[in-house]
């Protein structure tokens, strides 16, 4: 069973993301911010990271940078972005993100993008 770490500070959106991906049969770890994700990353050893960009304590850009540079991980990273965050999305791609989904997201599109990144 593939493991996905979801990092999102909005509790309702975090729960919704979890419900969508749980239906697809993934084992999920839900984190409220990037600091929690970093603390649990090696223990969980996820197959994919799904992260928001703007979060308190440690944002998605810093999280991606840390995972790629300090942890030297090549895990697929899918970012969530709100409209108007093009500069942040470009920075995330520059740091090593693999794909992005715009909020609000289409559950079928999210499932498809996750499946594609995990294959």
PDB file of N, CA and C in Angstrom:
ATOM      1  N   UNK A   1       0.834  -1.184   0.000  1.00  0.00           N
ATOM      2  CA  UNK A   1       0.000   0.000   0.000  1.00  0.00           C
ATOM      3  C   UNK A   1       0.881   1.252   0.000  1.00  0.00           C
ATOM      4  N   UNK A   2       0.631   2.148  -0.929  1.00  0.00           N
ATOM      5  CA  UNK A   2       1.417   3.379  -1.043  1.00  0.00           C
ATOM      6  C   UNK A   2       1.063   4.335   0.097  1.00  0.00           C
ATOM      7  N   UNK A   3       2.106   5.032   0.590  1.00  0.00           N
ATOM      8  CA  UNK A   3       1.938   5.970   1.701  1.00  0.00           C
ATOM      9  C   UNK A   3       2.034   7.410   1.183  1.00  0.00           C
ATOM     10  N   UNK A   4       1.041   8.217   1.554  1.00  0.00           N
ATOM     11  CA  UNK A   4       1.021   9.621   1.161  1.00  0.00           C
ATOM     12  C   UNK A   4       0.995  10.484   2.412  1.00  0.00           C
ATOM     13  N   UNK A   5       1.881  11.475   2.437  1.00  0.00           N
ATOM     14  CA  UNK A   5       1.886  12.466   3.506  1.00  0.00           C
ATOM     15  C   UNK A   5       1.211  13.715   2.951  1.00  0.00           C
ATOM     16  N   UNK A   6       0.142  14.153   3.624  1.00  0.00           N
ATOM     17  CA  UNK A   6      -0.586  15.353   3.225  1.00  0.00           C
ATOM     18  C   UNK A   6      -0.296  16.450   4.241  1.00  0.00           C
ATOM     19  N   UNK A   7       0.137  17.608   3.743  1.00  0.00           N
ATOM     20  CA  UNK A   7       0.479  18.727   4.615  1.00  0.00           C
ATOM     21  C   UNK A   7      -0.406  19.909   4.226  1.00  0.00           C
ATOM     22  N   UNK A   8      -1.327  20.265   5.115  1.00  0.00           N
ATOM     23  CA  UNK A   8      -2.313  21.313   4.840  1.00  0.00           C
ATOM     24  C   UNK A   8      -2.773  21.908   6.163  1.00  0.00           C
ATOM     25  N   UNK A   9      -2.752  23.240   6.283  1.00  0.00           N
ATOM     26  CA  UNK A   9      -3.108  23.882   7.553  1.00  0.00           C
ATOM     27  C   UNK A   9      -4.609  24.082   7.741  1.00  0.00           C
ATOM     28  N   UNK A  10      -5.392  23.991   6.694  1.00  0.00           N
ATOM     29  CA  UNK A  10      -6.847  24.129   6.816  1.00  0.00           C
ATOM     30  C   UNK A  10      -7.424  22.762   7.204  1.00  0.00           C
ATOM     31  N   UNK A  11      -7.959  22.620   8.435  1.00  0.00           N
ATOM     32  CA  UNK A  11      -8.418  21.300   8.899  1.00  0.00           C
ATOM     33  C   UNK A  11      -9.523  20.694   8.035  1.00  0.00           C
ATOM     34  N   UNK A  12     -10.410  21.515   7.498  1.00  0.00           N
ATOM     35  CA  UNK A  12     -11.493  20.994   6.658  1.00  0.00           C
ATOM     36  C   UNK A  12     -10.930  20.465   5.339  1.00  0.00           C
ATOM     37  N   UNK A  13     -10.029  21.230   4.739  1.00  0.00           N
ATOM     38  CA  UNK A  13      -9.408  20.792   3.482  1.00  0.00           C
ATOM     39  C   UNK A  13      -8.534  19.556   3.711  1.00  0.00           C
ATOM     40  N   UNK A  14      -7.827  19.517   4.837  1.00  0.00           N
ATOM     41  CA  UNK A  14      -6.990  18.358   5.170  1.00  0.00           C
ATOM     42  C   UNK A  14      -7.849  17.093   5.267  1.00  0.00           C
ATOM     43  N   UNK A  15      -8.995  17.216   5.929  1.00  0.00           N
ATOM     44  CA  UNK A  15      -9.907  16.082   6.065  1.00  0.00           C
ATOM     45  C   UNK A  15     -10.462  15.668   4.698  1.00  0.00           C
ATOM     46  N   UNK A  16     -10.821  16.654   3.878  1.00  0.00           N
ATOM     47  CA  UNK A  16     -11.362  16.371   2.542  1.00  0.00           C
ATOM     48  C   UNK A  16     -10.328  15.662   1.675  1.00  0.00           C
ATOM     49  N   UNK A  17      -9.108  16.159   1.676  1.00  0.00           N
ATOM     50  CA  UNK A  17      -8.026  15.510   0.920  1.00  0.00           C
ATOM     51  C   UNK A  17      -7.850  14.072   1.386  1.00  0.00           C
ATOM     52  N   UNK A  18      -7.871  13.891   2.702  1.00  0.00           N
ATOM     53  CA  UNK A  18      -7.732  12.555   3.268  1.00  0.00           C
ATOM     54  C   UNK A  18      -8.840  11.617   2.817  1.00  0.00           C
ATOM     55  N   UNK A  19     -10.071  12.111   2.802  1.00  0.00           N
ATOM     56  CA  UNK A  19     -11.202  11.276   2.385  1.00  0.00           C
ATOM     57  C   UNK A  19     -11.085  10.869   0.921  1.00  0.00           C
ATOM     58  N   UNK A  20     -10.702  11.819   0.066  1.00  0.00           N
ATOM     59  CA  UNK A  20     -10.566  11.525  -1.371  1.00  0.00           C
ATOM     60  C   UNK A  20      -9.510  10.447  -1.599  1.00  0.00           C
ATOM     61  N   UNK A  21      -8.358  10.599  -0.968  1.00  0.00           N
ATOM     62  CA  UNK A  21      -7.253   9.670  -1.227  1.00  0.00           C
ATOM     63  C   UNK A  21      -7.404   8.350  -0.472  1.00  0.00           C
ATOM     64  N   UNK A  22      -8.104   8.368   0.640  1.00  0.00           N
ATOM     65  CA  UNK A  22      -8.352   7.113   1.360  1.00  0.00           C
ATOM     66  C   UNK A  22      -9.231   6.189   0.515  1.00  0.00           C
ATOM     67  N   UNK A  23     -10.206   6.764  -0.215  1.00  0.00           N
ATOM     68  CA  UNK A  23     -11.061   5.980  -1.111  1.00  0.00           C
ATOM     69  C   UNK A  23     -10.242   5.273  -2.190  1.00  0.00           C
ATOM     70  N   UNK A  24      -9.110   5.877  -2.545  1.00  0.00           N
ATOM     71  CA  UNK A  24      -8.237   5.291  -3.566  1.00  0.00           C
ATOM     72  C   UNK A  24      -7.323   4.208  -2.993  1.00  0.00           C
ATOM     73  N   UNK A  25      -7.409   3.977  -1.680  1.00  0.00           N
ATOM     74  CA  UNK A  25      -6.672   2.885  -1.065  1.00  0.00           C
ATOM     75  C   UNK A  25      -5.289   3.221  -0.555  1.00  0.00           C
ATOM     76  N   UNK A  26      -4.980   4.493  -0.368  1.00  0.00           N
ATOM     77  CA  UNK A  26      -3.654   4.874   0.131  1.00  0.00           C
ATOM     78  C   UNK A  26      -3.631   4.924   1.650  1.00  0.00           C
ATOM     79  N   UNK A  27      -2.452   4.694   2.211  1.00  0.00           N
ATOM     80  CA  UNK A  27      -2.225   4.890   3.639  1.00  0.00           C
ATOM     81  C   UNK A  27      -1.814   6.346   3.805  1.00  0.00           C
ATOM     82  N   UNK A  28      -2.502   7.087   4.673  1.00  0.00           N
ATOM     83  CA  UNK A  28      -2.292   8.522   4.770  1.00  0.00           C
ATOM     84  C   UNK A  28      -1.723   8.951   6.107  1.00  0.00           C
ATOM     85  N   UNK A  29      -0.860   9.956   6.044  1.00  0.00           N
ATOM     86  CA  UNK A  29      -0.400  10.669   7.226  1.00  0.00           C
ATOM     87  C   UNK A  29      -0.786  12.121   7.011  1.00  0.00           C
ATOM     88  N   UNK A  30      -1.565  12.683   7.936  1.00  0.00           N
ATOM     89  CA  UNK A  30      -2.044  14.051   7.812  1.00  0.00           C
ATOM     90  C   UNK A  30      -1.252  14.955   8.751  1.00  0.00           C
ATOM     91  N   UNK A  31      -0.698  16.038   8.195  1.00  0.00           N
ATOM     92  CA  UNK A  31       0.109  16.982   8.972  1.00  0.00           C
ATOM     93  C   UNK A  31      -0.458  18.389   8.803  1.00  0.00           C
ATOM     94  N   UNK A  32      -0.485  19.148   9.899  1.00  0.00           N
ATOM     95  CA  UNK A  32      -1.064  20.493   9.879  1.00  0.00           C
ATOM     96  C   UNK A  32      -0.097  21.565   9.392  1.00  0.00           C
ATOM     97  N   UNK A  33       1.198  21.249   9.340  1.00  0.00           N
ATOM     98  CA  UNK A  33       2.170  22.216   8.845  1.00  0.00           C
ATOM     99  C   UNK A  33       3.474  21.493   8.468  1.00  0.00           C
ATOM    100  N   UNK A  34       4.367  22.238   7.836  1.00  0.00           N
ATOM    101  CA  UNK A  34       5.617  21.659   7.358  1.00  0.00           C
ATOM    102  C   UNK A  34       6.539  21.172   8.458  1.00  0.00           C
ATOM    103  N   UNK A  35       6.502  21.809   9.628  1.00  0.00           N
ATOM    104  CA  UNK A  35       7.363  21.386  10.738  1.00  0.00           C
ATOM    105  C   UNK A  35       7.001  19.969  11.182  1.00  0.00           C
ATOM    106  N   UNK A  36       5.710  19.708  11.311  1.00  0.00           N
ATOM    107  CA  UNK A  36       5.247  18.369  11.691  1.00  0.00           C
ATOM    108  C   UNK A  36       5.665  17.363  10.617  1.00  0.00           C
ATOM    109  N   UNK A  37       5.528  17.748   9.360  1.00  0.00           N
ATOM    110  CA  UNK A  37       5.904  16.858   8.255  1.00  0.00           C
ATOM    111  C   UNK A  37       7.380  16.488   8.316  1.00  0.00           C
ATOM    112  N   UNK A  38       8.242  17.464   8.544  1.00  0.00           N
ATOM    113  CA  UNK A  38       9.681  17.190   8.637  1.00  0.00           C
ATOM    114  C   UNK A  38       9.974  16.258   9.810  1.00  0.00           C
ATOM    115  N   UNK A  39       9.322  16.519  10.949  1.00  0.00           N
ATOM    116  CA  UNK A  39       9.529  15.693  12.140  1.00  0.00           C
ATOM    117  C   UNK A  39       9.140  14.230  11.899  1.00  0.00           C
ATOM    118  N   UNK A  40       8.134  13.984  11.055  1.00  0.00           N
ATOM    119  CA  UNK A  40       7.625  12.626  10.844  1.00  0.00           C
ATOM    120  C   UNK A  40       8.113  11.981   9.543  1.00  0.00           C
ATOM    121  N   UNK A  41       8.802  12.729   8.718  1.00  0.00           N
ATOM    122  CA  UNK A  41       9.124  12.273   7.367  1.00  0.00           C
ATOM    123  C   UNK A  41       9.864  10.930   7.334  1.00  0.00           C
ATOM    124  N   UNK A  42      10.961  10.809   8.063  1.00  0.00           N
ATOM    125  CA  UNK A  42      11.753   9.570   8.015  1.00  0.00           C
ATOM    126  C   UNK A  42      11.020   8.394   8.662  1.00  0.00           C
ATOM    127  N   UNK A  43      10.245   8.686   9.689  1.00  0.00           N
ATOM    128  CA  UNK A  43       9.486   7.621  10.359  1.00  0.00           C
ATOM    129  C   UNK A  43       8.404   7.063   9.424  1.00  0.00           C
ATOM    130  N   UNK A  44       7.724   7.950   8.699  1.00  0.00           N
ATOM    131  CA  UNK A  44       6.636   7.557   7.805  1.00  0.00           C
ATOM    132  C   UNK A  44       7.180   7.001   6.495  1.00  0.00           C
ATOM    133  N   UNK A  45       8.266   7.603   5.993  1.00  0.00           N
ATOM    134  CA  UNK A  45       8.864   7.229   4.714  1.00  0.00           C
ATOM    135  C   UNK A  45       7.808   7.183   3.599  1.00  0.00           C
ATOM    136  N   UNK A  46       7.152   8.330   3.333  1.00  0.00           N
ATOM    137  CA  UNK A  46       6.056   8.340   2.363  1.00  0.00           C
ATOM    138  C   UNK A  46       6.529   8.100   0.935  1.00  0.00           C
ATOM    139  N   UNK A  47       5.602   7.636   0.100  1.00  0.00           N
ATOM    140  CA  UNK A  47       5.866   7.438  -1.323  1.00  0.00           C
ATOM    141  C   UNK A  47       5.550   8.696  -2.123  1.00  0.00           C
ATOM    142  N   UNK A  48       4.780   9.616  -1.508  1.00  0.00           N
ATOM    143  CA  UNK A  48       4.416  10.865  -2.168  1.00  0.00           C
ATOM    144  C   UNK A  48       4.099  11.899  -1.103  1.00  0.00           C
ATOM    145  N   UNK A  49       4.476  13.145  -1.389  1.00  0.00           N
ATOM    146  CA  UNK A  49       4.171  14.263  -0.506  1.00  0.00           C
ATOM    147  C   UNK A  49       3.200  15.182  -1.232  1.00  0.00           C
ATOM    148  N   UNK A  50       2.089  15.492  -0.577  1.00  0.00           N
ATOM    149  CA  UNK A  50       1.098  16.432  -1.089  1.00  0.00           C
ATOM    150  C   UNK A  50       1.084  17.595  -0.108  1.00  0.00           C
ATOM    151  N   UNK A  51       1.491  18.800  -0.556  1.00  0.00           N
ATOM    152  CA  UNK A  51       1.620  19.913   0.376  1.00  0.00           C
ATOM    153  C   UNK A  51       1.013  21.207  -0.140  1.00  0.00           C
ATOM    154  N   UNK A  52       0.446  21.940   0.789  1.00  0.00           N
ATOM    155  CA  UNK A  52       0.002  23.301   0.535  1.00  0.00           C
ATOM    156  C   UNK A  52       1.260  24.176   0.460  1.00  0.00           C
ATOM    157  N   UNK A  53       1.127  25.364  -0.099  1.00  0.00           N
ATOM    158  CA  UNK A  53       2.267  26.275  -0.161  1.00  0.00           C
ATOM    159  C   UNK A  53       2.299  27.187   1.064  1.00  0.00           C
ATOM    160  N   UNK A  54       1.190  27.856   1.340  1.00  0.00           N
ATOM    161  CA  UNK A  54       1.157  28.834   2.433  1.00  0.00           C
ATOM    162  C   UNK A  54       0.591  28.209   3.702  1.00  0.00           C
ATOM    163  N   UNK A  55       1.486  28.076   4.709  1.00  0.00           N
ATOM    164  CA  UNK A  55       1.108  27.491   6.001  1.00  0.00           C
ATOM    165  C   UNK A  55       1.886  28.180   7.106  1.00  0.00           C
ATOM    166  N   UNK A  56       1.348  28.144   8.330  1.00  0.00           N
ATOM    167  CA  UNK A  56       2.099  28.704   9.468  1.00  0.00           C
ATOM    168  C   UNK A  56       3.260  27.785   9.858  1.00  0.00           C
ATOM    169  N   UNK A  57       4.159  28.314  10.639  1.00  0.00           N
ATOM    170  CA  UNK A  57       5.322  27.614  11.193  1.00  0.00           C
ATOM    171  C   UNK A  57       6.364  27.255  10.143  1.00  0.00           C
ATOM    172  N   UNK A  58       5.979  26.512   9.108  1.00  0.00           N
ATOM    173  CA  UNK A  58       6.938  26.156   8.053  1.00  0.00           C
ATOM    174  C   UNK A  58       6.122  25.943   6.779  1.00  0.00           C
ATOM    175  N   UNK A  59       6.342  26.800   5.796  1.00  0.00           N
ATOM    176  CA  UNK A  59       5.520  26.761   4.587  1.00  0.00           C
ATOM    177  C   UNK A  59       5.970  25.661   3.619  1.00  0.00           C
ATOM    178  N   UNK A  60       5.170  25.463   2.576  1.00  0.00           N
ATOM    179  CA  UNK A  60       5.436  24.404   1.612  1.00  0.00           C
ATOM    180  C   UNK A  60       6.726  24.591   0.825  1.00  0.00           C
ATOM    181  N   UNK A  61       7.077  25.840   0.514  1.00  0.00           N
ATOM    182  CA  UNK A  61       8.320  26.115  -0.220  1.00  0.00           C
ATOM    183  C   UNK A  61       9.518  25.677   0.614  1.00  0.00           C
ATOM    184  N   UNK A  62       9.519  26.056   1.889  1.00  0.00           N
ATOM    185  CA  UNK A  62      10.609  25.672   2.795  1.00  0.00           C
ATOM    186  C   UNK A  62      10.633  24.158   2.983  1.00  0.00           C
ATOM    187  N   UNK A  63       9.458  23.545   3.071  1.00  0.00           N
ATOM    188  CA  UNK A  63       9.361  22.088   3.213  1.00  0.00           C
ATOM    189  C   UNK A  63       9.979  21.385   1.997  1.00  0.00           C
ATOM    190  N   UNK A  64       9.616  21.821   0.802  1.00  0.00           N
ATOM    191  CA  UNK A  64      10.166  21.222  -0.425  1.00  0.00           C
ATOM    192  C   UNK A  64      11.677  21.378  -0.451  1.00  0.00           C
ATOM    193  N   UNK A  65      12.146  22.574  -0.147  1.00  0.00           N
ATOM    194  CA  UNK A  65      13.589  22.846  -0.134  1.00  0.00           C
ATOM    195  C   UNK A  65      14.301  21.907   0.849  1.00  0.00           C
ATOM    196  N   UNK A  66      13.727  21.748   2.042  1.00  0.00           N
ATOM    197  CA  UNK A  66      14.326  20.893   3.066  1.00  0.00           C
ATOM    198  C   UNK A  66      14.371  19.425   2.613  1.00  0.00           C
ATOM    199  N   UNK A  67      13.268  18.953   2.059  1.00  0.00           N
ATOM    200  CA  UNK A  67      13.207  17.550   1.622  1.00  0.00           C
ATOM    201  C   UNK A  67      14.188  17.283   0.481  1.00  0.00           C
ATOM    202  N   UNK A  68      14.281  18.202  -0.459  1.00  0.00           N
ATOM    203  CA  UNK A  68      15.185  18.011  -1.606  1.00  0.00           C
ATOM    204  C   UNK A  68      16.649  18.212  -1.231  1.00  0.00           C
ATOM    205  N   UNK A  69      16.958  19.221  -0.412  1.00  0.00           N
ATOM    206  CA  UNK A  69      18.357  19.564  -0.147  1.00  0.00           C
ATOM    207  C   UNK A  69      18.906  18.913   1.126  1.00  0.00           C
ATOM    208  N   UNK A  70      18.235  19.082   2.264  1.00  0.00           N
ATOM    209  CA  UNK A  70      18.756  18.517   3.515  1.00  0.00           C
ATOM    210  C   UNK A  70      18.531  17.011   3.609  1.00  0.00           C
ATOM    211  N   UNK A  71      17.352  16.551   3.186  1.00  0.00           N
ATOM    212  CA  UNK A  71      17.042  15.121   3.282  1.00  0.00           C
ATOM    213  C   UNK A  71      17.449  14.360   2.026  1.00  0.00           C
ATOM    214  N   UNK A  72      17.790  15.090   0.982  1.00  0.00           N
ATOM    215  CA  UNK A  72      18.245  14.499  -0.279  1.00  0.00           C
ATOM    216  C   UNK A  72      17.268  13.441  -0.804  1.00  0.00           C
ATOM    217  N   UNK A  73      15.971  13.748  -0.696  1.00  0.00           N
ATOM    218  CA  UNK A  73      14.936  12.807  -1.113  1.00  0.00           C
ATOM    219  C   UNK A  73      14.415  13.175  -2.506  1.00  0.00           C
ATOM    220  N   UNK A  74      14.132  12.153  -3.297  1.00  0.00           N
ATOM    221  CA  UNK A  74      13.574  12.367  -4.630  1.00  0.00           C
ATOM    222  C   UNK A  74      12.092  11.986  -4.687  1.00  0.00           C
ATOM    223  N   UNK A  75      11.439  11.894  -3.522  1.00  0.00           N
ATOM    224  CA  UNK A  75      10.020  11.568  -3.435  1.00  0.00           C
ATOM    225  C   UNK A  75       9.217  12.497  -4.359  1.00  0.00           C
ATOM    226  N   UNK A  76       8.205  11.976  -5.040  1.00  0.00           N
ATOM    227  CA  UNK A  76       7.344  12.863  -5.832  1.00  0.00           C
ATOM    228  C   UNK A  76       6.617  13.851  -4.915  1.00  0.00           C
ATOM    229  N   UNK A  77       6.568  15.117  -5.346  1.00  0.00           N
ATOM    230  CA  UNK A  77       5.906  16.159  -4.568  1.00  0.00           C
ATOM    231  C   UNK A  77       4.830  16.814  -5.428  1.00  0.00           C
ATOM    232  N   UNK A  78       3.608  16.801  -4.895  1.00  0.00           N
ATOM    233  CA  UNK A  78       2.461  17.435  -5.529  1.00  0.00           C
ATOM    234  C   UNK A  78       2.058  18.605  -4.648  1.00  0.00           C
ATOM    235  N   UNK A  79       2.004  19.802  -5.221  1.00  0.00           N
ATOM    236  CA  UNK A  79       1.665  20.969  -4.409  1.00  0.00           C
ATOM    237  C   UNK A  79       0.237  21.418  -4.670  1.00  0.00           C
ATOM    238  N   UNK A  80      -0.352  21.990  -3.626  1.00  0.00           N
ATOM    239  CA  UNK A  80      -1.683  22.601  -3.701  1.00  0.00           C
ATOM    240  C   UNK A  80      -1.474  24.104  -3.728  1.00  0.00           C
ATOM    241  N   UNK A  81      -2.117  24.785  -4.660  1.00  0.00           N
ATOM    242  CA  UNK A  81      -1.970  26.229  -4.702  1.00  0.00           C
ATOM    243  C   UNK A  81      -3.314  26.885  -4.934  1.00  0.00           C
ATOM    244  N   UNK A  82      -3.481  28.035  -4.330  1.00  0.00           N
ATOM    245  CA  UNK A  82      -4.663  28.830  -4.592  1.00  0.00           C
ATOM    246  C   UNK A  82      -4.443  29.632  -5.858  1.00  0.00           C
ATOM    247  N   UNK A  83      -5.512  30.179  -6.389  1.00  0.00           N
ATOM    248  CA  UNK A  83      -5.351  31.013  -7.573  1.00  0.00           C
ATOM    249  C   UNK A  83      -4.535  32.254  -7.198  1.00  0.00           C
ATOM    250  N   UNK A  84      -3.750  32.736  -8.139  1.00  0.00           N
ATOM    251  CA  UNK A  84      -2.909  33.899  -7.886  1.00  0.00           C
ATOM    252  C   UNK A  84      -1.581  33.575  -7.229  1.00  0.00           C
ATOM    253  N   UNK A  85      -1.241  32.305  -7.132  1.00  0.00           N
ATOM    254  CA  UNK A  85       0.032  31.902  -6.492  1.00  0.00           C
ATOM    255  C   UNK A  85       1.050  31.420  -7.527  1.00  0.00           C
ATOM    256  N   UNK A  86       0.984  31.964  -8.737  1.00  0.00           N
ATOM    257  CA  UNK A  86       1.849  31.485  -9.813  1.00  0.00           C
ATOM    258  C   UNK A  86       3.332  31.572  -9.466  1.00  0.00           C
ATOM    259  N   UNK A  87       3.746  32.677  -8.829  1.00  0.00           N
ATOM    260  CA  UNK A  87       5.166  32.828  -8.468  1.00  0.00           C
ATOM    261  C   UNK A  87       5.606  31.743  -7.489  1.00  0.00           C
ATOM    262  N   UNK A  88       4.752  31.432  -6.527  1.00  0.00           N
ATOM    263  CA  UNK A  88       5.079  30.384  -5.560  1.00  0.00           C
ATOM    264  C   UNK A  88       5.131  29.011  -6.229  1.00  0.00           C
ATOM    265  N   UNK A  89       4.217  28.766  -7.160  1.00  0.00           N
ATOM    266  CA  UNK A  89       4.216  27.489  -7.890  1.00  0.00           C
ATOM    267  C   UNK A  89       5.505  27.354  -8.701  1.00  0.00           C
ATOM    268  N   UNK A  90       5.909  28.410  -9.377  1.00  0.00           N
ATOM    269  CA  UNK A  90       7.153  28.375 -10.157  1.00  0.00           C
ATOM    270  C   UNK A  90       8.361  28.131  -9.256  1.00  0.00           C
ATOM    271  N   UNK A  91       8.378  28.783  -8.090  1.00  0.00           N
ATOM    272  CA  UNK A  91       9.469  28.561  -7.143  1.00  0.00           C
ATOM    273  C   UNK A  91       9.483  27.107  -6.663  1.00  0.00           C
ATOM    274  N   UNK A  92       8.292  26.558  -6.395  1.00  0.00           N
ATOM    275  CA  UNK A  92       8.192  25.163  -5.957  1.00  0.00           C
ATOM    276  C   UNK A  92       8.724  24.224  -7.034  1.00  0.00           C
ATOM    277  N   UNK A  93       8.376  24.472  -8.291  1.00  0.00           N
ATOM    278  CA  UNK A  93       8.910  23.655  -9.387  1.00  0.00           C
ATOM    279  C   UNK A  93      10.423  23.787  -9.469  1.00  0.00           C
ATOM    280  N   UNK A  94      10.929  25.001  -9.301  1.00  0.00           N
ATOM    281  CA  UNK A  94      12.379  25.236  -9.335  1.00  0.00           C
ATOM    282  C   UNK A  94      13.092  24.438  -8.232  1.00  0.00           C
ATOM    283  N   UNK A  95      12.432  24.274  -7.098  1.00  0.00           N
ATOM    284  CA  UNK A  95      13.015  23.540  -5.967  1.00  0.00           C
ATOM    285  C   UNK A  95      12.830  22.032  -6.077  1.00  0.00           C
ATOM    286  N   UNK A  96      12.002  21.571  -7.028  1.00  0.00           N
ATOM    287  CA  UNK A  96      11.882  20.133  -7.211  1.00  0.00           C
ATOM    288  C   UNK A  96      10.492  19.549  -7.097  1.00  0.00           C
ATOM    289  N   UNK A  97       9.445  20.384  -7.017  1.00  0.00           N
ATOM    290  CA  UNK A  97       8.085  19.848  -7.021  1.00  0.00           C
ATOM    291  C   UNK A  97       7.819  19.221  -8.389  1.00  0.00           C
ATOM    292  N   UNK A  98       6.972  18.200  -8.419  1.00  0.00           N
ATOM    293  CA  UNK A  98       6.700  17.473  -9.655  1.00  0.00           C
ATOM    294  C   UNK A  98       5.416  17.885 -10.358  1.00  0.00           C
ATOM    295  N   UNK A  99       4.428  18.362  -9.600  1.00  0.00           N
ATOM    296  CA  UNK A  99       3.141  18.706 -10.200  1.00  0.00           C
ATOM    297  C   UNK A  99       2.383  19.580  -9.205  1.00  0.00           C
ATOM    298  N   UNK A 100       1.274  20.166  -9.669  1.00  0.00           N
ATOM    299  CA  UNK A 100       0.446  20.950  -8.766  1.00  0.00           C
ATOM    300  C   UNK A 100      -1.024  20.822  -9.121  1.00  0.00           C
ATOM    301  N   UNK A 101      -1.849  21.077  -8.104  1.00  0.00           N
ATOM    302  CA  UNK A 101      -3.296  21.089  -8.237  1.00  0.00           C
ATOM    303  C   UNK A 101      -3.755  22.420  -7.654  1.00  0.00           C
ATOM    304  N   UNK A 102      -4.660  23.096  -8.350  1.00  0.00           N
ATOM    305  CA  UNK A 102      -5.170  24.378  -7.887  1.00  0.00           C
ATOM    306  C   UNK A 102      -6.364  24.168  -6.959  1.00  0.00           C
ATOM    307  N   UNK A 103      -6.402  24.943  -5.874  1.00  0.00           N
ATOM    308  CA  UNK A 103      -7.544  24.927  -4.966  1.00  0.00           C
ATOM    309  C   UNK A 103      -8.566  25.931  -5.470  1.00  0.00           C
ATOM    310  N   UNK A 104      -9.855  25.637  -5.421  1.00  0.00           N
ATOM    311  CA  UNK A 104     -10.431  24.355  -5.014  1.00  0.00           C
ATOM    312  C   UNK A 104     -10.135  23.283  -6.060  1.00  0.00           C
ATOM    313  N   UNK A 105      -9.970  22.053  -5.612  1.00  0.00           N
ATOM    314  CA  UNK A 105      -9.543  20.986  -6.518  1.00  0.00           C
ATOM    315  C   UNK A 105     -10.708  20.087  -6.912  1.00  0.00           C
ATOM    316  N   UNK A 106     -10.547  19.427  -8.036  1.00  0.00           N
ATOM    317  CA  UNK A 106     -11.494  18.424  -8.512  1.00  0.00           C
ATOM    318  C   UNK A 106     -10.990  17.076  -7.986  1.00  0.00           C
ATOM    319  N   UNK A 107     -11.785  16.347  -7.194  1.00  0.00           N
ATOM    320  CA  UNK A 107     -11.332  15.082  -6.613  1.00  0.00           C
ATOM    321  C   UNK A 107     -10.824  14.069  -7.650  1.00  0.00           C
ATOM    322  N   UNK A 108     -11.488  13.980  -8.790  1.00  0.00           N
ATOM    323  CA  UNK A 108     -11.046  13.032  -9.825  1.00  0.00           C
ATOM    324  C   UNK A 108      -9.701  13.439 -10.404  1.00  0.00           C
ATOM    325  N   UNK A 109      -9.496  14.743 -10.598  1.00  0.00           N
ATOM    326  CA  UNK A 109      -8.206  15.224 -11.104  1.00  0.00           C
ATOM    327  C   UNK A 109      -7.104  14.948 -10.083  1.00  0.00           C
ATOM    328  N   UNK A 110      -7.390  15.195  -8.807  1.00  0.00           N
ATOM    329  CA  UNK A 110      -6.407  14.926  -7.754  1.00  0.00           C
ATOM    330  C   UNK A 110      -6.023  13.450  -7.760  1.00  0.00           C
ATOM    331  N   UNK A 111      -7.008  12.565  -7.804  1.00  0.00           N
ATOM    332  CA  UNK A 111      -6.736  11.121  -7.821  1.00  0.00           C
ATOM    333  C   UNK A 111      -5.870  10.737  -9.009  1.00  0.00           C
ATOM    334  N   UNK A 112      -6.187  11.291 -10.163  1.00  0.00           N
ATOM    335  CA  UNK A 112      -5.428  10.997 -11.376  1.00  0.00           C
ATOM    336  C   UNK A 112      -3.987  11.477 -11.271  1.00  0.00           C
ATOM    337  N   UNK A 113      -3.785  12.686 -10.782  1.00  0.00           N
ATOM    338  CA  UNK A 113      -2.420  13.231 -10.656  1.00  0.00           C
ATOM    339  C   UNK A 113      -1.591  12.432  -9.633  1.00  0.00           C
ATOM    340  N   UNK A 114      -2.219  12.049  -8.534  1.00  0.00           N
ATOM    341  CA  UNK A 114      -1.531  11.241  -7.525  1.00  0.00           C
ATOM    342  C   UNK A 114      -1.131   9.889  -8.119  1.00  0.00           C
ATOM    343  N   UNK A 115      -2.068   9.246  -8.774  1.00  0.00           N
ATOM    344  CA  UNK A 115      -1.801   7.931  -9.388  1.00  0.00           C
ATOM    345  C   UNK A 115      -0.659   8.030 -10.402  1.00  0.00           C
ATOM    346  N   UNK A 116      -0.684   9.085 -11.208  1.00  0.00           N
ATOM    347  CA  UNK A 116       0.365   9.288 -12.217  1.00  0.00           C
ATOM    348  C   UNK A 116       1.747   9.456 -11.576  1.00  0.00           C
ATOM    349  N   UNK A 117       1.805  10.217 -10.486  1.00  0.00           N
ATOM    350  CA  UNK A 117       3.084  10.442  -9.814  1.00  0.00           C
ATOM    351  C   UNK A 117       3.612   9.177  -9.121  1.00  0.00           C
ATOM    352  N   UNK A 118       2.698   8.316  -8.694  1.00  0.00           N
ATOM    353  CA  UNK A 118       3.108   7.100  -7.991  1.00  0.00           C
ATOM    354  C   UNK A 118       3.477   5.958  -8.938  1.00  0.00           C
ATOM    355  N   UNK A 119       3.143   6.076 -10.215  1.00  0.00           N
ATOM    356  CA  UNK A 119       3.490   5.009 -11.191  1.00  0.00           C
ATOM    357  C   UNK A 119       4.833   5.256 -11.822  1.00  0.00           C
TER     358      UNK A 119
END
